[in-house]
Amino acid sequence: MIYVCDHCSFVFERMGEVTVCPVCSSTYLHPATQPEQEAYRKGKEQEKKASGKDR
């Protein structure tokens, strides 16, 4: 599942429920909305291409 921290705006993916942001330790998190998920996946795909791991 993809989550967004409402405090620091960090977007991250984890298996299962998450209660604390891994960056700022805030407990103000929400499951990513569809547009947030799409932006996250697009960014991950761009990272993958830039690092050459898509081959």
PDB file of N, CA and C in Angstrom:
ATOM      1  N   MET A   1       0.839  -1.167   0.000  1.00  0.00           N
ATOM      2  CA  MET A   1       0.000   0.000   0.000  1.00  0.00           C
ATOM      3  C   MET A   1       0.890   1.238   0.000  1.00  0.00           C
ATOM      4  N   ILE A   2       0.417   2.291  -0.630  1.00  0.00           N
ATOM      5  CA  ILE A   2       1.163   3.539  -0.704  1.00  0.00           C
ATOM      6  C   ILE A   2       0.549   4.528   0.281  1.00  0.00           C
ATOM      7  N   TYR A   3       1.427   5.174   1.052  1.00  0.00           N
ATOM      8  CA  TYR A   3       1.005   6.129   2.074  1.00  0.00           C
ATOM      9  C   TYR A   3       1.623   7.491   1.817  1.00  0.00           C
ATOM     10  N   VAL A   4       0.972   8.530   2.363  1.00  0.00           N
ATOM     11  CA  VAL A   4       1.496   9.888   2.303  1.00  0.00           C
ATOM     12  C   VAL A   4       1.489  10.453   3.717  1.00  0.00           C
ATOM     13  N   CYS A   5       2.600  11.073   4.089  1.00  0.00           N
ATOM     14  CA  CYS A   5       2.680  11.734   5.392  1.00  0.00           C
ATOM     15  C   CYS A   5       2.100  13.133   5.251  1.00  0.00           C
ATOM     16  N   ASP A   6       1.144  13.465   6.094  1.00  0.00           N
ATOM     17  CA  ASP A   6       0.529  14.785   6.056  1.00  0.00           C
ATOM     18  C   ASP A   6       1.427  15.854   6.672  1.00  0.00           C
ATOM     19  N   HIS A   7       2.460  15.443   7.361  1.00  0.00           N
ATOM     20  CA  HIS A   7       3.363  16.403   8.005  1.00  0.00           C
ATOM     21  C   HIS A   7       4.510  16.804   7.059  1.00  0.00           C
ATOM     22  N   CYS A   8       5.219  15.822   6.506  1.00  0.00           N
ATOM     23  CA  CYS A   8       6.391  16.128   5.668  1.00  0.00           C
ATOM     24  C   CYS A   8       6.177  15.833   4.182  1.00  0.00           C
ATOM     25  N   SER A   9       5.021  15.280   3.829  1.00  0.00           N
ATOM     26  CA  SER A   9       4.641  14.971   2.441  1.00  0.00           C
ATOM     27  C   SER A   9       5.417  13.812   1.821  1.00  0.00           C
ATOM     28  N   PHE A  10       6.115  13.044   2.643  1.00  0.00           N
ATOM     29  CA  PHE A  10       6.836  11.882   2.140  1.00  0.00           C
ATOM     30  C   PHE A  10       5.835  10.845   1.648  1.00  0.00           C
ATOM     31  N   VAL A  11       6.105  10.278   0.483  1.00  0.00           N
ATOM     32  CA  VAL A  11       5.250   9.241  -0.101  1.00  0.00           C
ATOM     33  C   VAL A  11       6.067   7.955  -0.107  1.00  0.00           C
ATOM     34  N   PHE A  12       5.480   6.881   0.414  1.00  0.00           N
ATOM     35  CA  PHE A  12       6.226   5.633   0.530  1.00  0.00           C
ATOM     36  C   PHE A  12       5.302   4.438   0.429  1.00  0.00           C
ATOM     37  N   GLU A  13       5.898   3.302   0.131  1.00  0.00           N
ATOM     38  CA  GLU A  13       5.136   2.062  -0.048  1.00  0.00           C
ATOM     39  C   GLU A  13       5.575   1.051   1.004  1.00  0.00           C
ATOM     40  N   ARG A  14       4.602   0.429   1.632  1.00  0.00           N
ATOM     41  CA  ARG A  14       4.864  -0.591   2.652  1.00  0.00           C
ATOM     42  C   ARG A  14       3.787  -1.666   2.571  1.00  0.00           C
ATOM     43  N   MET A  15       4.125  -2.837   3.036  1.00  0.00           N
ATOM     44  CA  MET A  15       3.148  -3.916   3.145  1.00  0.00           C
ATOM     45  C   MET A  15       2.471  -3.772   4.497  1.00  0.00           C
ATOM     46  N   GLY A  16       1.170  -3.909   4.541  1.00  0.00           N
ATOM     47  CA  GLY A  16       0.439  -3.828   5.799  1.00  0.00           C
ATOM     48  C   GLY A  16       0.212  -2.406   6.256  1.00  0.00           C
ATOM     49  N   GLU A  17      -0.383  -2.283   7.408  1.00  0.00           N
ATOM     50  CA  GLU A  17      -0.725  -0.974   7.958  1.00  0.00           C
ATOM     51  C   GLU A  17       0.504  -0.300   8.549  1.00  0.00           C
ATOM     52  N   VAL A  18       0.603   0.993   8.324  1.00  0.00           N
ATOM     53  CA  VAL A  18       1.698   1.800   8.844  1.00  0.00           C
ATOM     54  C   VAL A  18       1.110   2.884   9.728  1.00  0.00           C
ATOM     55  N   THR A  19       1.735   3.143  10.866  1.00  0.00           N
ATOM     56  CA  THR A  19       1.209   4.159  11.787  1.00  0.00           C
ATOM     57  C   THR A  19       2.155   5.330  11.999  1.00  0.00           C
ATOM     58  N   VAL A  20       3.402   5.213  11.515  1.00  0.00           N
ATOM     59  CA  VAL A  20       4.394   6.266  11.720  1.00  0.00           C
ATOM     60  C   VAL A  20       5.176   6.494  10.434  1.00  0.00           C
ATOM     61  N   CYS A  21       5.405   7.757  10.091  1.00  0.00           N
ATOM     62  CA  CYS A  21       6.208   8.100   8.920  1.00  0.00           C
ATOM     63  C   CYS A  21       7.659   7.699   9.171  1.00  0.00           C
ATOM     64  N   PRO A  22       8.286   7.012   8.216  1.00  0.00           N
ATOM     65  CA  PRO A  22       9.679   6.593   8.408  1.00  0.00           C
ATOM     66  C   PRO A  22      10.679   7.747   8.317  1.00  0.00           C
ATOM     67  N   VAL A  23      10.250   8.903   7.862  1.00  0.00           N
ATOM     68  CA  VAL A  23      11.153  10.048   7.721  1.00  0.00           C
ATOM     69  C   VAL A  23      11.066  10.987   8.929  1.00  0.00           C
ATOM     70  N   CYS A  24       9.841  11.389   9.286  1.00  0.00           N
ATOM     71  CA  CYS A  24       9.701  12.398  10.347  1.00  0.00           C
ATOM     72  C   CYS A  24       9.040  11.875  11.618  1.00  0.00           C
ATOM     73  N   SER A  25       8.631  10.627  11.617  1.00  0.00           N
ATOM     74  CA  SER A  25       7.984   9.971  12.762  1.00  0.00           C
ATOM     75  C   SER A  25       6.595  10.520  13.099  1.00  0.00           C
ATOM     76  N   SER A  26       6.012  11.270  12.182  1.00  0.00           N
ATOM     77  CA  SER A  26       4.657  11.768  12.384  1.00  0.00           C
ATOM     78  C   SER A  26       3.660  10.615  12.310  1.00  0.00           C
ATOM     79  N   THR A  27       2.576  10.758  13.012  1.00  0.00           N
ATOM     80  CA  THR A  27       1.509   9.762  12.947  1.00  0.00           C
ATOM     81  C   THR A  27       0.371  10.225  12.034  1.00  0.00           C
ATOM     82  N   TYR A  28       0.561  11.374  11.393  1.00  0.00           N
ATOM     83  CA  TYR A  28      -0.453  11.912  10.496  1.00  0.00           C
ATOM     84  C   TYR A  28      -0.217  11.397   9.082  1.00  0.00           C
ATOM     85  N   LEU A  29      -0.770  10.223   8.807  1.00  0.00           N
ATOM     86  CA  LEU A  29      -0.614   9.556   7.517  1.00  0.00           C
ATOM     87  C   LEU A  29      -1.978   9.293   6.903  1.00  0.00           C
ATOM     88  N   HIS A  30      -1.989   9.160   5.590  1.00  0.00           N
ATOM     89  CA  HIS A  30      -3.207   8.699   4.928  1.00  0.00           C
ATOM     90  C   HIS A  30      -2.827   7.816   3.748  1.00  0.00           C
ATOM     91  N   PRO A  31      -3.702   6.862   3.422  1.00  0.00           N
ATOM     92  CA  PRO A  31      -3.465   6.070   2.220  1.00  0.00           C
ATOM     93  C   PRO A  31      -3.473   7.010   1.011  1.00  0.00           C
ATOM     94  N   ALA A  32      -2.578   6.806   0.093  1.00  0.00           N
ATOM     95  CA  ALA A  32      -2.477   7.670  -1.083  1.00  0.00           C
ATOM     96  C   ALA A  32      -3.756   7.616  -1.906  1.00  0.00           C
ATOM     97  N   THR A  33      -4.147   8.775  -2.400  1.00  0.00           N
ATOM     98  CA  THR A  33      -5.291   8.853  -3.309  1.00  0.00           C
ATOM     99  C   THR A  33      -4.850   8.301  -4.664  1.00  0.00           C
ATOM    100  N   GLN A  34      -5.786   8.095  -5.549  1.00  0.00           N
ATOM    101  CA  GLN A  34      -5.445   7.572  -6.871  1.00  0.00           C
ATOM    102  C   GLN A  34      -4.424   8.467  -7.581  1.00  0.00           C
ATOM    103  N   PRO A  35      -4.607   9.797  -7.624  1.00  0.00           N
ATOM    104  CA  PRO A  35      -3.595  10.652  -8.273  1.00  0.00           C
ATOM    105  C   PRO A  35      -2.227  10.580  -7.572  1.00  0.00           C
ATOM    106  N   GLU A  36      -2.203  10.478  -6.251  1.00  0.00           N
ATOM    107  CA  GLU A  36      -0.942  10.352  -5.516  1.00  0.00           C
ATOM    108  C   GLU A  36      -0.256   9.030  -5.853  1.00  0.00           C
ATOM    109  N   GLN A  37      -1.034   7.964  -5.973  1.00  0.00           N
ATOM    110  CA  GLN A  37      -0.473   6.660  -6.334  1.00  0.00           C
ATOM    111  C   GLN A  37       0.126   6.698  -7.735  1.00  0.00           C
ATOM    112  N   GLU A  38      -0.585   7.319  -8.665  1.00  0.00           N
ATOM    113  CA  GLU A  38      -0.092   7.406 -10.039  1.00  0.00           C
ATOM    114  C   GLU A  38       1.201   8.210 -10.107  1.00  0.00           C
ATOM    115  N   ALA A  39       1.273   9.321  -9.379  1.00  0.00           N
ATOM    116  CA  ALA A  39       2.483  10.147  -9.354  1.00  0.00           C
ATOM    117  C   ALA A  39       3.639   9.365  -8.735  1.00  0.00           C
ATOM    118  N   TYR A  40       3.375   8.621  -7.671  1.00  0.00           N
ATOM    119  CA  TYR A  40       4.403   7.809  -7.013  1.00  0.00           C
ATOM    120  C   TYR A  40       4.948   6.758  -7.979  1.00  0.00           C
ATOM    121  N   ARG A  41       4.047   6.048  -8.645  1.00  0.00           N
ATOM    122  CA  ARG A  41       4.474   4.990  -9.568  1.00  0.00           C
ATOM    123  C   ARG A  41       5.226   5.564 -10.772  1.00  0.00           C
ATOM    124  N   LYS A  42       4.785   6.717 -11.260  1.00  0.00           N
ATOM    125  CA  LYS A  42       5.470   7.361 -12.375  1.00  0.00           C
ATOM    126  C   LYS A  42       6.890   7.749 -11.954  1.00  0.00           C
ATOM    127  N   GLY A  43       7.033   8.294 -10.759  1.00  0.00           N
ATOM    128  CA  GLY A  43       8.353   8.658 -10.245  1.00  0.00           C
ATOM    129  C   GLY A  43       9.252   7.449 -10.086  1.00  0.00           C
ATOM    130  N   LYS A  44       8.702   6.353  -9.584  1.00  0.00           N
ATOM    131  CA  LYS A  44       9.479   5.125  -9.419  1.00  0.00           C
ATOM    132  C   LYS A  44       9.946   4.593 -10.778  1.00  0.00           C
ATOM    133  N   GLU A  45       9.068   4.664 -11.769  1.00  0.00           N
ATOM    134  CA  GLU A  45       9.418   4.199 -13.111  1.00  0.00           C
ATOM    135  C   GLU A  45      10.526   5.068 -13.707  1.00  0.00           C
ATOM    136  N   GLN A  46      10.463   6.370 -13.489  1.00  0.00           N
ATOM    137  CA  GLN A  46      11.511   7.270 -13.983  1.00  0.00           C
ATOM    138  C   GLN A  46      12.842   6.981 -13.294  1.00  0.00           C
ATOM    139  N   GLU A  47      12.805   6.709 -11.986  1.00  0.00           N
ATOM    140  CA  GLU A  47      14.022   6.350 -11.246  1.00  0.00           C
ATOM    141  C   GLU A  47      14.632   5.071 -11.825  1.00  0.00           C
ATOM    142  N   LYS A  48      13.772   4.121 -12.098  1.00  0.00           N
ATOM    143  CA  LYS A  48      14.210   2.829 -12.631  1.00  0.00           C
ATOM    144  C   LYS A  48      14.900   3.010 -13.985  1.00  0.00           C
ATOM    145  N   LYS A  49      14.297   3.823 -14.849  1.00  0.00           N
ATOM    146  CA  LYS A  49      14.870   4.069 -16.172  1.00  0.00           C
ATOM    147  C   LYS A  49      16.196   4.819 -16.052  1.00  0.00           C
ATOM    148  N   ALA A  50      16.242   5.796 -15.163  1.00  0.00           N
ATOM    149  CA  ALA A  50      17.460   6.610 -15.000  1.00  0.00           C
ATOM    150  C   ALA A  50      18.619   5.772 -14.467  1.00  0.00           C
ATOM    151  N   SER A  51      18.317   4.774 -13.671  1.00  0.00           N
ATOM    152  CA  SER A  51      19.381   3.953 -13.101  1.00  0.00           C
ATOM    153  C   SER A  51      19.748   2.774 -14.000  1.00  0.00           C
ATOM    154  N   GLY A  52      18.996   2.583 -15.094  1.00  0.00           N
ATOM    155  CA  GLY A  52      19.290   1.493 -16.018  1.00  0.00           C
ATOM    156  C   GLY A  52      18.780   0.149 -15.573  1.00  0.00           C
ATOM    157  N   LYS A  53      17.910   0.119 -14.555  1.00  0.00           N
ATOM    158  CA  LYS A  53      17.404  -1.153 -14.040  1.00  0.00           C
ATOM    159  C   LYS A  53      16.196  -1.672 -14.797  1.00  0.00           C
ATOM    160  N   ASP A  54      15.786  -0.981 -15.844  1.00  0.00           N
ATOM    161  CA  ASP A  54      14.617  -1.428 -16.606  1.00  0.00           C
ATOM    162  C   ASP A  54      15.012  -2.369 -17.727  1.00  0.00           C
ATOM    163  N   ARG A  55      16.269  -2.752 -17.803  1.00  0.00           N
ATOM    164  CA  ARG A  55      16.739  -3.622 -18.882  1.00  0.00           C
ATOM    165  C   ARG A  55      16.767  -5.053 -18.480  1.00  0.00           C
TER     166      ARG A  55
END
